[in-house]
PDB file of N, CA and C in Angstrom:
ATOM      1  N   GLN A   1      45.715 106.790  83.572  1.00  0.00           N
ATOM      2  CA  GLN A   1      44.304 106.961  83.306  1.00  0.00           C
ATOM      3  C   GLN A   1      44.091 108.187  82.430  1.00  0.00           C
ATOM      4  N   VAL A   2      43.017 108.143  81.653  1.00  0.00           N
ATOM      5  CA  VAL A   2      42.629 109.237  80.784  1.00  0.00           C
ATOM      6  C   VAL A   2      41.217 109.661  81.150  1.00  0.00           C
ATOM      7  N   GLN A   3      41.016 110.954  81.252  1.00  0.00           N
ATOM      8  CA  GLN A   3      39.704 111.495  81.553  1.00  0.00           C
ATOM      9  C   GLN A   3      39.324 112.546  80.525  1.00  0.00           C
ATOM     10  N   LEU A   4      38.067 112.529  80.113  1.00  0.00           N
ATOM     11  CA  LEU A   4      37.501 113.553  79.258  1.00  0.00           C
ATOM     12  C   LEU A   4      36.319 114.157  80.005  1.00  0.00           C
ATOM     13  N   VAL A   5      36.342 115.454  80.206  1.00  0.00           N
ATOM     14  CA  VAL A   5      35.300 116.127  80.959  1.00  0.00           C
ATOM     15  C   VAL A   5      34.691 117.219  80.106  1.00  0.00           C
ATOM     16  N   GLU A   6      33.390 117.089  79.825  1.00  0.00           N
ATOM     17  CA  GLU A   6      32.663 118.092  79.066  1.00  0.00           C
ATOM     18  C   GLU A   6      32.112 119.166  79.996  1.00  0.00           C
ATOM     19  N   SER A   7      31.936 120.349  79.447  1.00  0.00           N
ATOM     20  CA  SER A   7      31.306 121.432  80.179  1.00  0.00           C
ATOM     21  C   SER A   7      30.644 122.374  79.185  1.00  0.00           C
ATOM     22  N   GLY A   8      29.762 123.218  79.689  1.00  0.00           N
ATOM     23  CA  GLY A   8      29.124 124.225  78.859  1.00  0.00           C
ATOM     24  C   GLY A   8      27.690 123.939  78.477  1.00  0.00           C
ATOM     25  N   GLY A   9      27.186 122.769  78.810  1.00  0.00           N
ATOM     26  CA  GLY A   9      25.807 122.452  78.495  1.00  0.00           C
ATOM     27  C   GLY A   9      24.840 123.228  79.372  1.00  0.00           C
ATOM     28  N   GLY A  10      23.573 123.182  78.997  1.00  0.00           N
ATOM     29  CA  GLY A  10      22.562 123.878  79.760  1.00  0.00           C
ATOM     30  C   GLY A  10      21.310 124.098  78.960  1.00  0.00           C
ATOM     31  N   LEU A  11      20.478 124.996  79.456  1.00  0.00           N
ATOM     32  CA  LEU A  11      19.208 125.345  78.819  1.00  0.00           C
ATOM     33  C   LEU A  11      19.375 126.626  78.019  1.00  0.00           C
ATOM     34  N   VAL A  12      18.907 126.605  76.781  1.00  0.00           N
ATOM     35  CA  VAL A  12      19.001 127.768  75.915  1.00  0.00           C
ATOM     36  C   VAL A  12      17.725 127.881  75.086  1.00  0.00           C
ATOM     37  N   GLN A  13      17.342 129.099  74.748  1.00  0.00           N
ATOM     38  CA  GLN A  13      16.155 129.322  73.930  1.00  0.00           C
ATOM     39  C   GLN A  13      16.434 129.012  72.463  1.00  0.00           C
ATOM     40  N   PRO A  14      15.409 128.643  71.701  1.00  0.00           N
ATOM     41  CA  PRO A  14      15.602 128.451  70.261  1.00  0.00           C
ATOM     42  C   PRO A  14      16.228 129.683  69.623  1.00  0.00           C
ATOM     43  N   GLY A  15      17.181 129.446  68.742  1.00  0.00           N
ATOM     44  CA  GLY A  15      17.921 130.526  68.109  1.00  0.00           C
ATOM     45  C   GLY A  15      19.139 130.973  68.877  1.00  0.00           C
ATOM     46  N   GLY A  16      19.298 130.477  70.085  1.00  0.00           N
ATOM     47  CA  GLY A  16      20.419 130.858  70.920  1.00  0.00           C
ATOM     48  C   GLY A  16      21.675 130.075  70.619  1.00  0.00           C
ATOM     49  N   SER A  17      22.695 130.308  71.438  1.00  0.00           N
ATOM     50  CA  SER A  17      24.005 129.702  71.230  1.00  0.00           C
ATOM     51  C   SER A  17      24.554 129.138  72.531  1.00  0.00           C
ATOM     52  N   LEU A  18      25.387 128.130  72.395  1.00  0.00           N
ATOM     53  CA  LEU A  18      26.149 127.558  73.492  1.00  0.00           C
ATOM     54  C   LEU A  18      27.505 127.140  72.964  1.00  0.00           C
ATOM     55  N   ARG A  19      28.490 127.133  73.843  1.00  0.00           N
ATOM     56  CA  ARG A  19      29.793 126.595  73.495  1.00  0.00           C
ATOM     57  C   ARG A  19      30.159 125.498  74.482  1.00  0.00           C
ATOM     58  N   LEU A  20      30.347 124.299  73.962  1.00  0.00           N
ATOM     59  CA  LEU A  20      30.761 123.171  74.763  1.00  0.00           C
ATOM     60  C   LEU A  20      32.278 123.052  74.752  1.00  0.00           C
ATOM     61  N   SER A  21      32.819 122.596  75.867  1.00  0.00           N
ATOM     62  CA  SER A  21      34.250 122.356  75.981  1.00  0.00           C
ATOM     63  C   SER A  21      34.484 120.925  76.438  1.00  0.00           C
ATOM     64  N   CYS A  22      35.600 120.366  76.029  1.00  0.00           N
ATOM     65  CA  CYS A  22      35.997 119.029  76.454  1.00  0.00           C
ATOM     66  C   CYS A  22      37.482 119.037  76.744  1.00  0.00           C
ATOM     67  N   LYS A  23      37.831 118.847  77.989  1.00  0.00           N
ATOM     68  CA  LYS A  23      39.217 118.828  78.433  1.00  0.00           C
ATOM     69  C   LYS A  23      39.684 117.388  78.613  1.00  0.00           C
ATOM     70  N   VAL A  24      40.789 117.049  77.979  1.00  0.00           N
ATOM     71  CA  VAL A  24      41.375 115.721  78.082  1.00  0.00           C
ATOM     72  C   VAL A  24      42.573 115.786  79.017  1.00  0.00           C
ATOM     73  N   SER A  25      42.643 114.869  79.953  1.00  0.00           N
ATOM     74  CA  SER A  25      43.754 114.841  80.897  1.00  0.00           C
ATOM     75  C   SER A  25      44.177 113.408  81.159  1.00  0.00           C
ATOM     76  N   GLY A  26      45.357 113.251  81.730  1.00  0.00           N
ATOM     77  CA  GLY A  26      45.890 111.940  82.041  1.00  0.00           C
ATOM     78  C   GLY A  26      47.276 111.749  81.464  1.00  0.00           C
ATOM     79  N   SER A  27      47.712 110.505  81.443  1.00  0.00           N
ATOM     80  CA  SER A  27      49.044 110.168  80.946  1.00  0.00           C
ATOM     81  C   SER A  27      49.018 110.045  79.425  1.00  0.00           C
ATOM     82  N   ILE A  28      48.846 111.164  78.770  1.00  0.00           N
ATOM     83  CA  ILE A  28      48.654 111.216  77.319  1.00  0.00           C
ATOM     84  C   ILE A  28      49.993 111.364  76.619  1.00  0.00           C
ATOM     85  N   PHE A  29      50.181 110.568  75.583  1.00  0.00           N
ATOM     86  CA  PHE A  29      51.349 110.725  74.732  1.00  0.00           C
ATOM     87  C   PHE A  29      51.035 111.622  73.541  1.00  0.00           C
ATOM     88  N   SER A  30      49.941 111.325  72.846  1.00  0.00           N
ATOM     89  CA  SER A  30      49.588 112.103  71.676  1.00  0.00           C
ATOM     90  C   SER A  30      48.089 112.005  71.424  1.00  0.00           C
ATOM     91  N   ILE A  31      47.487 113.128  71.085  1.00  0.00           N
ATOM     92  CA  ILE A  31      46.078 113.181  70.726  1.00  0.00           C
ATOM     93  C   ILE A  31      45.953 113.318  69.214  1.00  0.00           C
ATOM     94  N   TYR A  32      45.132 112.478  68.623  1.00  0.00           N
ATOM     95  CA  TYR A  32      44.888 112.539  67.191  1.00  0.00           C
ATOM     96  C   TYR A  32      43.560 113.267  66.952  1.00  0.00           C
ATOM     97  N   ALA A  33      42.536 112.557  66.562  1.00  0.00           N
ATOM     98  CA  ALA A  33      41.254 113.203  66.309  1.00  0.00           C
ATOM     99  C   ALA A  33      40.489 113.463  67.608  1.00  0.00           C
ATOM    100  N   MET A  34      39.649 114.486  67.574  1.00  0.00           N
ATOM    101  CA  MET A  34      38.730 114.792  68.659  1.00  0.00           C
ATOM    102  C   MET A  34      37.376 115.069  68.026  1.00  0.00           C
ATOM    103  N   GLY A  35      36.310 114.752  68.747  1.00  0.00           N
ATOM    104  CA  GLY A  35      35.006 114.940  68.142  1.00  0.00           C
ATOM    105  C   GLY A  35      33.867 114.950  69.138  1.00  0.00           C
ATOM    106  N   TRP A  36      32.669 115.101  68.580  1.00  0.00           N
ATOM    107  CA  TRP A  36      31.448 115.174  69.360  1.00  0.00           C
ATOM    108  C   TRP A  36      30.371 114.297  68.740  1.00  0.00           C
ATOM    109  N   TYR A  37      29.648 113.582  69.587  1.00  0.00           N
ATOM    110  CA  TYR A  37      28.439 112.864  69.235  1.00  0.00           C
ATOM    111  C   TYR A  37      27.327 113.353  70.147  1.00  0.00           C
ATOM    112  N   ARG A  38      26.087 113.027  69.796  1.00  0.00           N
ATOM    113  CA  ARG A  38      24.969 113.394  70.650  1.00  0.00           C
ATOM    114  C   ARG A  38      23.926 112.294  70.630  1.00  0.00           C
ATOM    115  N   GLN A  39      23.128 112.243  71.689  1.00  0.00           N
ATOM    116  CA  GLN A  39      22.086 111.243  71.803  1.00  0.00           C
ATOM    117  C   GLN A  39      20.853 111.867  72.443  1.00  0.00           C
ATOM    118  N   ALA A  40      19.757 111.863  71.703  1.00  0.00           N
ATOM    119  CA  ALA A  40      18.486 112.347  72.198  1.00  0.00           C
ATOM    120  C   ALA A  40      17.700 111.187  72.792  1.00  0.00           C
ATOM    121  N   PRO A  41      16.738 111.469  73.677  1.00  0.00           N
ATOM    122  CA  PRO A  41      15.943 110.396  74.274  1.00  0.00           C
ATOM    123  C   PRO A  41      15.270 109.526  73.217  1.00  0.00           C
ATOM    124  N   GLY A  42      15.412 108.218  73.357  1.00  0.00           N
ATOM    125  CA  GLY A  42      14.792 107.289  72.433  1.00  0.00           C
ATOM    126  C   GLY A  42      15.468 107.155  71.088  1.00  0.00           C
ATOM    127  N   LYS A  43      16.604 107.794  70.899  1.00  0.00           N
ATOM    128  CA  LYS A  43      17.316 107.741  69.633  1.00  0.00           C
ATOM    129  C   LYS A  43      18.726 107.205  69.842  1.00  0.00           C
ATOM    130  N   GLN A  44      19.318 106.745  68.753  1.00  0.00           N
ATOM    131  CA  GLN A  44      20.691 106.274  68.803  1.00  0.00           C
ATOM    132  C   GLN A  44      21.660 107.437  68.827  1.00  0.00           C
ATOM    133  N   ARG A  45      22.837 107.172  69.345  1.00  0.00           N
ATOM    134  CA  ARG A  45      23.872 108.185  69.338  1.00  0.00           C
ATOM    135  C   ARG A  45      24.282 108.491  67.900  1.00  0.00           C
ATOM    136  N   GLU A  46      24.406 109.775  67.570  1.00  0.00           N
ATOM    137  CA  GLU A  46      24.727 110.172  66.216  1.00  0.00           C
ATOM    138  C   GLU A  46      25.947 111.090  66.184  1.00  0.00           C
ATOM    139  N   PHE A  47      26.644 111.010  65.082  1.00  0.00           N
ATOM    140  CA  PHE A  47      27.818 111.832  64.852  1.00  0.00           C
ATOM    141  C   PHE A  47      27.435 113.289  64.695  1.00  0.00           C
ATOM    142  N   VAL A  48      28.248 114.179  65.271  1.00  0.00           N
ATOM    143  CA  VAL A  48      28.038 115.615  65.150  1.00  0.00           C
ATOM    144  C   VAL A  48      29.183 116.264  64.391  1.00  0.00           C
ATOM    145  N   ALA A  49      30.399 116.115  64.896  1.00  0.00           N
ATOM    146  CA  ALA A  49      31.543 116.776  64.278  1.00  0.00           C
ATOM    147  C   ALA A  49      32.829 116.132  64.750  1.00  0.00           C
ATOM    148  N   THR A  50      33.864 116.259  63.948  1.00  0.00           N
ATOM    149  CA  THR A  50      35.177 115.765  64.324  1.00  0.00           C
ATOM    150  C   THR A  50      36.246 116.702  63.769  1.00  0.00           C
ATOM    151  N   ILE A  51      37.379 116.721  64.426  1.00  0.00           N
ATOM    152  CA  ILE A  51      38.502 117.545  63.979  1.00  0.00           C
ATOM    153  C   ILE A  51      39.787 116.757  64.158  1.00  0.00           C
ATOM    154  N   ALA A  52      40.589 116.716  63.110  1.00  0.00           N
ATOM    155  CA  ALA A  52      41.861 116.011  63.131  1.00  0.00           C
ATOM    156  C   ALA A  52      42.957 116.883  63.728  1.00  0.00           C
ATOM    157  N   ARG A  53      44.092 116.272  63.992  1.00  0.00           N
ATOM    158  CA  ARG A  53      45.214 116.993  64.584  1.00  0.00           C
ATOM    159  C   ARG A  53      45.578 118.236  63.780  1.00  0.00           C
ATOM    160  N   GLY A  54      45.586 118.101  62.451  1.00  0.00           N
ATOM    161  CA  GLY A  54      45.965 119.202  61.592  1.00  0.00           C
ATOM    162  C   GLY A  54      44.881 120.218  61.336  1.00  0.00           C
ATOM    163  N   GLY A  55      43.681 119.998  61.868  1.00  0.00           N
ATOM    164  CA  GLY A  55      42.614 120.966  61.749  1.00  0.00           C
ATOM    165  C   GLY A  55      41.517 120.627  60.764  1.00  0.00           C
ATOM    166  N   THR A  56      41.638 119.523  60.031  1.00  0.00           N
ATOM    167  CA  THR A  56      40.590 119.119  59.105  1.00  0.00           C
ATOM    168  C   THR A  56      39.325 118.767  59.873  1.00  0.00           C
ATOM    169  N   THR A  57      38.191 119.304  59.443  1.00  0.00           N
ATOM    170  CA  THR A  57      36.928 119.110  60.153  1.00  0.00           C
ATOM    171  C   THR A  57      35.911 118.390  59.283  1.00  0.00           C
ATOM    172  N   ASN A  58      34.999 117.707  59.946  1.00  0.00           N
ATOM    173  CA  ASN A  58      33.849 117.082  59.315  1.00  0.00           C
ATOM    174  C   ASN A  58      32.628 117.323  60.179  1.00  0.00           C
ATOM    175  N   TYR A  59      31.481 117.524  59.529  1.00  0.00           N
ATOM    176  CA  TYR A  59      30.243 117.816  60.233  1.00  0.00           C
ATOM    177  C   TYR A  59      29.102 116.971  59.697  1.00  0.00           C
ATOM    178  N   ALA A  60      28.174 116.647  60.577  1.00  0.00           N
ATOM    179  CA  ALA A  60      26.920 116.071  60.132  1.00  0.00           C
ATOM    180  C   ALA A  60      26.139 117.120  59.350  1.00  0.00           C
ATOM    181  N   ASP A  61      25.387 116.672  58.350  1.00  0.00           N
ATOM    182  CA  ASP A  61      24.615 117.611  57.544  1.00  0.00           C
ATOM    183  C   ASP A  61      23.647 118.435  58.394  1.00  0.00           C
ATOM    184  N   SER A  62      23.142 117.849  59.457  1.00  0.00           N
ATOM    185  CA  SER A  62      22.152 118.512  60.283  1.00  0.00           C
ATOM    186  C   SER A  62      22.702 119.711  61.049  1.00  0.00           C
ATOM    187  N   VAL A  63      24.022 119.793  61.205  1.00  0.00           N
ATOM    188  CA  VAL A  63      24.614 120.888  61.967  1.00  0.00           C
ATOM    189  C   VAL A  63      25.529 121.760  61.128  1.00  0.00           C
ATOM    190  N   LYS A  64      25.804 121.367  59.911  1.00  0.00           N
ATOM    191  CA  LYS A  64      26.717 122.114  59.061  1.00  0.00           C
ATOM    192  C   LYS A  64      26.205 123.540  58.858  1.00  0.00           C
ATOM    193  N   GLY A  65      27.098 124.490  59.039  1.00  0.00           N
ATOM    194  CA  GLY A  65      26.737 125.892  58.915  1.00  0.00           C
ATOM    195  C   GLY A  65      26.274 126.520  60.202  1.00  0.00           C
ATOM    196  N   ARG A  66      25.967 125.709  61.209  1.00  0.00           N
ATOM    197  CA  ARG A  66      25.517 126.214  62.502  1.00  0.00           C
ATOM    198  C   ARG A  66      26.524 125.934  63.613  1.00  0.00           C
ATOM    199  N   PHE A  67      27.179 124.782  63.543  1.00  0.00           N
ATOM    200  CA  PHE A  67      28.134 124.379  64.571  1.00  0.00           C
ATOM    201  C   PHE A  67      29.551 124.509  64.034  1.00  0.00           C
ATOM    202  N   THR A  68      30.485 124.804  64.919  1.00  0.00           N
ATOM    203  CA  THR A  68      31.891 124.873  64.573  1.00  0.00           C
ATOM    204  C   THR A  68      32.708 124.136  65.627  1.00  0.00           C
ATOM    205  N   ILE A  69      33.498 123.175  65.187  1.00  0.00           N
ATOM    206  CA  ILE A  69      34.386 122.463  66.091  1.00  0.00           C
ATOM    207  C   ILE A  69      35.788 123.048  65.973  1.00  0.00           C
ATOM    208  N   SER A  70      36.474 123.138  67.091  1.00  0.00           N
ATOM    209  CA  SER A  70      37.838 123.638  67.111  1.00  0.00           C
ATOM    210  C   SER A  70      38.611 122.910  68.204  1.00  0.00           C
ATOM    211  N   ARG A  71      39.907 123.151  68.254  1.00  0.00           N
ATOM    212  CA  ARG A  71      40.724 122.517  69.286  1.00  0.00           C
ATOM    213  C   ARG A  71      41.899 123.397  69.645  1.00  0.00           C
ATOM    214  N   ASP A  72      42.338 123.267  70.867  1.00  0.00           N
ATOM    215  CA  ASP A  72      43.515 123.947  71.381  1.00  0.00           C
ATOM    216  C   ASP A  72      44.463 122.853  71.849  1.00  0.00           C
ATOM    217  N   ASN A  73      45.437 122.543  71.030  1.00  0.00           N
ATOM    218  CA  ASN A  73      46.323 121.426  71.336  1.00  0.00           C
ATOM    219  C   ASN A  73      47.164 121.666  72.589  1.00  0.00           C
ATOM    220  N   ALA A  74      47.496 122.914  72.854  1.00  0.00           N
ATOM    221  CA  ALA A  74      48.275 123.225  74.047  1.00  0.00           C
ATOM    222  C   ALA A  74      47.495 122.949  75.320  1.00  0.00           C
ATOM    223  N   LYS A  75      46.166 122.998  75.238  1.00  0.00           N
ATOM    224  CA  LYS A  75      45.315 122.773  76.399  1.00  0.00           C
ATOM    225  C   LYS A  75      44.630 121.415  76.382  1.00  0.00           C
ATOM    226  N   ASN A  76      44.899 120.602  75.351  1.00  0.00           N
ATOM    227  CA  ASN A  76      44.238 119.301  75.206  1.00  0.00           C
ATOM    228  C   ASN A  76      42.720 119.443  75.304  1.00  0.00           C
ATOM    229  N   THR A  77      42.202 120.411  74.597  1.00  0.00           N
ATOM    230  CA  THR A  77      40.795 120.754  74.695  1.00  0.00           C
ATOM    231  C   THR A  77      40.183 120.918  73.313  1.00  0.00           C
ATOM    232  N   THR A  78      38.959 120.435  73.157  1.00  0.00           N
ATOM    233  CA  THR A  78      38.180 120.681  71.961  1.00  0.00           C
ATOM    234  C   THR A  78      36.920 121.445  72.339  1.00  0.00           C
ATOM    235  N   TYR A  79      36.429 122.243  71.404  1.00  0.00           N
ATOM    236  CA  TYR A  79      35.263 123.068  71.623  1.00  0.00           C
ATOM    237  C   TYR A  79      34.231 122.805  70.529  1.00  0.00           C
ATOM    238  N   LEU A  80      32.979 122.987  70.878  1.00  0.00           N
ATOM    239  CA  LEU A  80      31.899 122.926  69.909  1.00  0.00           C
ATOM    240  C   LEU A  80      31.043 124.170  70.084  1.00  0.00           C
ATOM    241  N   GLN A  81      31.192 125.108  69.166  1.00  0.00           N
ATOM    242  CA  GLN A  81      30.375 126.312  69.163  1.00  0.00           C
ATOM    243  C   GLN A  81      29.078 126.012  68.437  1.00  0.00           C
ATOM    244  N   MET A  82      27.959 126.175  69.117  1.00  0.00           N
ATOM    245  CA  MET A  82      26.651 125.838  68.571  1.00  0.00           C
ATOM    246  C   MET A  82      25.817 127.106  68.468  1.00  0.00           C
ATOM    247  N   ASN A  83      25.468 127.476  67.250  1.00  0.00           N
ATOM    248  CA  ASN A  83      24.653 128.650  66.984  1.00  0.00           C
ATOM    249  C   ASN A  83      23.328 128.239  66.357  1.00  0.00           C
ATOM    250  N   SER A  84      22.379 129.157  66.374  1.00  0.00           N
ATOM    251  CA  SER A  84      21.060 128.927  65.779  1.00  0.00           C
ATOM    252  C   SER A  84      20.457 127.606  66.239  1.00  0.00           C
ATOM    253  N   LEU A  85      20.496 127.385  67.526  1.00  0.00           N
ATOM    254  CA  LEU A  85      20.003 126.132  68.082  1.00  0.00           C
ATOM    255  C   LEU A  85      18.487 126.017  67.945  1.00  0.00           C
ATOM    256  N   ASN A  86      18.026 124.805  67.732  1.00  0.00           N
ATOM    257  CA  ASN A  86      16.604 124.520  67.662  1.00  0.00           C
ATOM    258  C   ASN A  86      16.294 123.329  68.567  1.00  0.00           C
ATOM    259  N   PRO A  87      15.018 123.084  68.857  1.00  0.00           N
ATOM    260  CA  PRO A  87      14.676 121.993  69.783  1.00  0.00           C
ATOM    261  C   PRO A  87      15.197 120.631  69.353  1.00  0.00           C
ATOM    262  N   GLU A  88      15.386 120.426  68.060  1.00  0.00           N
ATOM    263  CA  GLU A  88      15.911 119.150  67.574  1.00  0.00           C
ATOM    264  C   GLU A  88      17.362 118.918  67.978  1.00  0.00           C
ATOM    265  N   ASP A  89      18.035 119.958  68.440  1.00  0.00           N
ATOM    266  CA  ASP A  89      19.401 119.819  68.922  1.00  0.00           C
ATOM    267  C   ASP A  89      19.463 119.348  70.367  1.00  0.00           C
ATOM    268  N   THR A  90      18.331 119.248  71.030  1.00  0.00           N
ATOM    269  CA  THR A  90      18.304 118.788  72.411  1.00  0.00           C
ATOM    270  C   THR A  90      18.819 117.357  72.500  1.00  0.00           C
ATOM    271  N   ALA A  91      19.835 117.150  73.323  1.00  0.00           N
ATOM    272  CA  ALA A  91      20.463 115.837  73.449  1.00  0.00           C
ATOM    273  C   ALA A  91      21.546 115.907  74.510  1.00  0.00           C
ATOM    274  N   ILE A  92      22.050 114.747  74.868  1.00  0.00           N
ATOM    275  CA  ILE A  92      23.288 114.678  75.620  1.00  0.00           C
ATOM    276  C   ILE A  92      24.424 114.668  74.610  1.00  0.00           C
ATOM    277  N   TYR A  93      25.370 115.553  74.796  1.00  0.00           N
ATOM    278  CA  TYR A  93      26.501 115.672  73.892  1.00  0.00           C
ATOM    279  C   TYR A  93      27.725 115.025  74.521  1.00  0.00           C
ATOM    280  N   PHE A  94      28.334 114.113  73.780  1.00  0.00           N
ATOM    281  CA  PHE A  94      29.481 113.348  74.254  1.00  0.00           C
ATOM    282  C   PHE A  94      30.731 113.736  73.482  1.00  0.00           C
ATOM    283  N   CYS A  95      31.778 113.991  74.195  1.00  0.00           N
ATOM    284  CA  CYS A  95      33.076 114.253  73.603  1.00  0.00           C
ATOM    285  C   CYS A  95      33.840 112.947  73.454  1.00  0.00           C
ATOM    286  N   ASN A  96      34.643 112.848  72.408  1.00  0.00           N
ATOM    287  CA  ASN A  96      35.533 111.706  72.263  1.00  0.00           C
ATOM    288  C   ASN A  96      36.888 112.160  71.751  1.00  0.00           C
ATOM    289  N   SER A  97      37.881 111.327  71.986  1.00  0.00           N
ATOM    290  CA  SER A  97      39.228 111.632  71.534  1.00  0.00           C
ATOM    291  C   SER A  97      39.958 110.349  71.196  1.00  0.00           C
ATOM    292  N   ASP A  98      40.583 110.328  70.037  1.00  0.00           N
ATOM    293  CA  ASP A  98      41.460 109.232  69.644  1.00  0.00           C
ATOM    294  C   ASP A  98      42.874 109.619  70.047  1.00  0.00           C
ATOM    295  N   LEU A  99      43.481 108.831  70.925  1.00  0.00           N
ATOM    296  CA  LEU A  99      44.775 109.201  71.457  1.00  0.00           C
ATOM    297  C   LEU A  99      45.588 107.978  71.834  1.00  0.00           C
ATOM    298  N   THR A 100      46.863 108.210  72.070  1.00  0.00           N
ATOM    299  CA  THR A 100      47.749 107.198  72.626  1.00  0.00           C
ATOM    300  C   THR A 100      48.212 107.646  74.000  1.00  0.00           C
ATOM    301  N   ILE A 101      48.375 106.690  74.894  1.00  0.00           N
ATOM    302  CA  ILE A 101      48.902 106.975  76.216  1.00  0.00           C
ATOM    303  C   ILE A 101      50.396 106.676  76.233  1.00  0.00           C
ATOM    304  N   LYS A 102      51.022 107.009  77.341  1.00  0.00           N
ATOM    305  CA  LYS A 102      52.453 106.761  77.483  1.00  0.00           C
ATOM    306  C   LYS A 102      52.789 105.289  77.239  1.00  0.00           C
ATOM    307  N   ARG A 103      53.851 105.062  76.506  1.00  0.00           N
ATOM    308  CA  ARG A 103      54.406 103.729  76.271  1.00  0.00           C
ATOM    309  C   ARG A 103      53.529 102.839  75.396  1.00  0.00           C
ATOM    310  N   THR A 104      52.716 103.438  74.550  1.00  0.00           N
ATOM    311  CA  THR A 104      51.957 102.687  73.572  1.00  0.00           C
ATOM    312  C   THR A 104      51.800 103.519  72.314  1.00  0.00           C
ATOM    313  N   HIS A 105      51.645 102.840  71.193  1.00  0.00           N
ATOM    314  CA  HIS A 105      51.450 103.513  69.918  1.00  0.00           C
ATOM    315  C   HIS A 105      50.163 103.064  69.239  1.00  0.00           C
ATOM    316  N   LYS A 106      49.247 102.514  70.008  1.00  0.00           N
ATOM    317  CA  LYS A 106      47.963 102.078  69.484  1.00  0.00           C
ATOM    318  C   LYS A 106      46.886 103.078  69.873  1.00  0.00           C
ATOM    319  N   PRO A 107      46.429 103.879  68.910  1.00  0.00           N
ATOM    320  CA  PRO A 107      45.385 104.855  69.234  1.00  0.00           C
ATOM    321  C   PRO A 107      44.114 104.183  69.744  1.00  0.00           C
ATOM    322  N   THR A 108      43.524 104.774  70.749  1.00  0.00           N
ATOM    323  CA  THR A 108      42.303 104.276  71.366  1.00  0.00           C
ATOM    324  C   THR A 108      41.331 105.427  71.540  1.00  0.00           C
ATOM    325  N   ARG A 109      40.044 105.158  71.309  1.00  0.00           N
ATOM    326  CA  ARG A 109      39.035 106.194  71.469  1.00  0.00           C
ATOM    327  C   ARG A 109      38.522 106.218  72.903  1.00  0.00           C
ATOM    328  N   TYR A 110      38.565 107.383  73.503  1.00  0.00           N
ATOM    329  CA  TYR A 110      38.054 107.602  74.841  1.00  0.00           C
ATOM    330  C   TYR A 110      36.842 108.523  74.772  1.00  0.00           C
ATOM    331  N   TRP A 111      35.938 108.346  75.726  1.00  0.00           N
ATOM    332  CA  TRP A 111      34.683 109.094  75.756  1.00  0.00           C
ATOM    333  C   TRP A 111      34.491 109.805  77.080  1.00  0.00           C
ATOM    334  N   GLY A 112      33.874 110.974  77.013  1.00  0.00           N
ATOM    335  CA  GLY A 112      33.451 111.663  78.209  1.00  0.00           C
ATOM    336  C   GLY A 112      32.094 111.173  78.674  1.00  0.00           C
ATOM    337  N   GLN A 113      31.632 111.696  79.794  1.00  0.00           N
ATOM    338  CA  GLN A 113      30.359 111.281  80.368  1.00  0.00           C
ATOM    339  C   GLN A 113      29.161 111.979  79.747  1.00  0.00           C
ATOM    340  N   GLY A 114      29.392 113.054  79.028  1.00  0.00           N
ATOM    341  CA  GLY A 114      28.323 113.760  78.357  1.00  0.00           C
ATOM    342  C   GLY A 114      27.851 114.976  79.135  1.00  0.00           C
ATOM    343  N   THR A 115      27.298 115.924  78.407  1.00  0.00           N
ATOM    344  CA  THR A 115      26.709 117.113  78.997  1.00  0.00           C
ATOM    345  C   THR A 115      25.372 117.387  78.316  1.00  0.00           C
ATOM    346  N   GLN A 116      24.368 117.737  79.107  1.00  0.00           N
ATOM    347  CA  GLN A 116      23.017 117.913  78.599  1.00  0.00           C
ATOM    348  C   GLN A 116      22.853 119.276  77.955  1.00  0.00           C
ATOM    349  N   VAL A 117      22.306 119.283  76.749  1.00  0.00           N
ATOM    350  CA  VAL A 117      21.921 120.507  76.054  1.00  0.00           C
ATOM    351  C   VAL A 117      20.420 120.452  75.814  1.00  0.00           C
ATOM    352  N   THR A 118      19.707 121.436  76.327  1.00  0.00           N
ATOM    353  CA  THR A 118      18.263 121.504  76.161  1.00  0.00           C
ATOM    354  C   THR A 118      17.903 122.823  75.492  1.00  0.00           C
ATOM    355  N   VAL A 119      17.213 122.743  74.363  1.00  0.00           N
ATOM    356  CA  VAL A 119      16.791 123.926  73.616  1.00  0.00           C
ATOM    357  C   VAL A 119      15.277 124.022  73.739  1.00  0.00           C
ATOM    358  N   SER A 120      14.822 125.007  74.483  1.00  0.00           N
ATOM    359  CA  SER A 120      13.399 125.147  74.754  1.00  0.00           C
ATOM    360  C   SER A 120      13.102 126.569  75.188  1.00  0.00           C
ATOM    361  N   SER A 121      11.885 127.013  74.898  1.00  0.00           N
ATOM    362  CA  SER A 121      11.437 128.318  75.350  1.00  0.00           C
ATOM    363  C   SER A 121      10.738 128.229  76.701  1.00  0.00           C
TER     364      SER A 121
END
């Protein structure tokens, strides 16, 4: 089994910062890309950021320059540093990881349960 557990969400004032973490565990053979999506009430889930094994990153235009994605391969963990937050960033943030498990070479995307981020005064 593979589990992805997000942490670090919460309530923050506009202009504030939060750092989300996503720990991947289970019978993992290899982790490829890791990333973050978010979903606000009444809206579709949207891409936020992704990071490849070698460190190449991609960001949605709406967060570029404010958010930074990183990863610690030794800990099977990805992070999302969020700065200059505004109310439009309020959403459930979901972690995902493209990985292979033991005895397979077919990468599969796994998702966490999400963590709530609320930006409000």
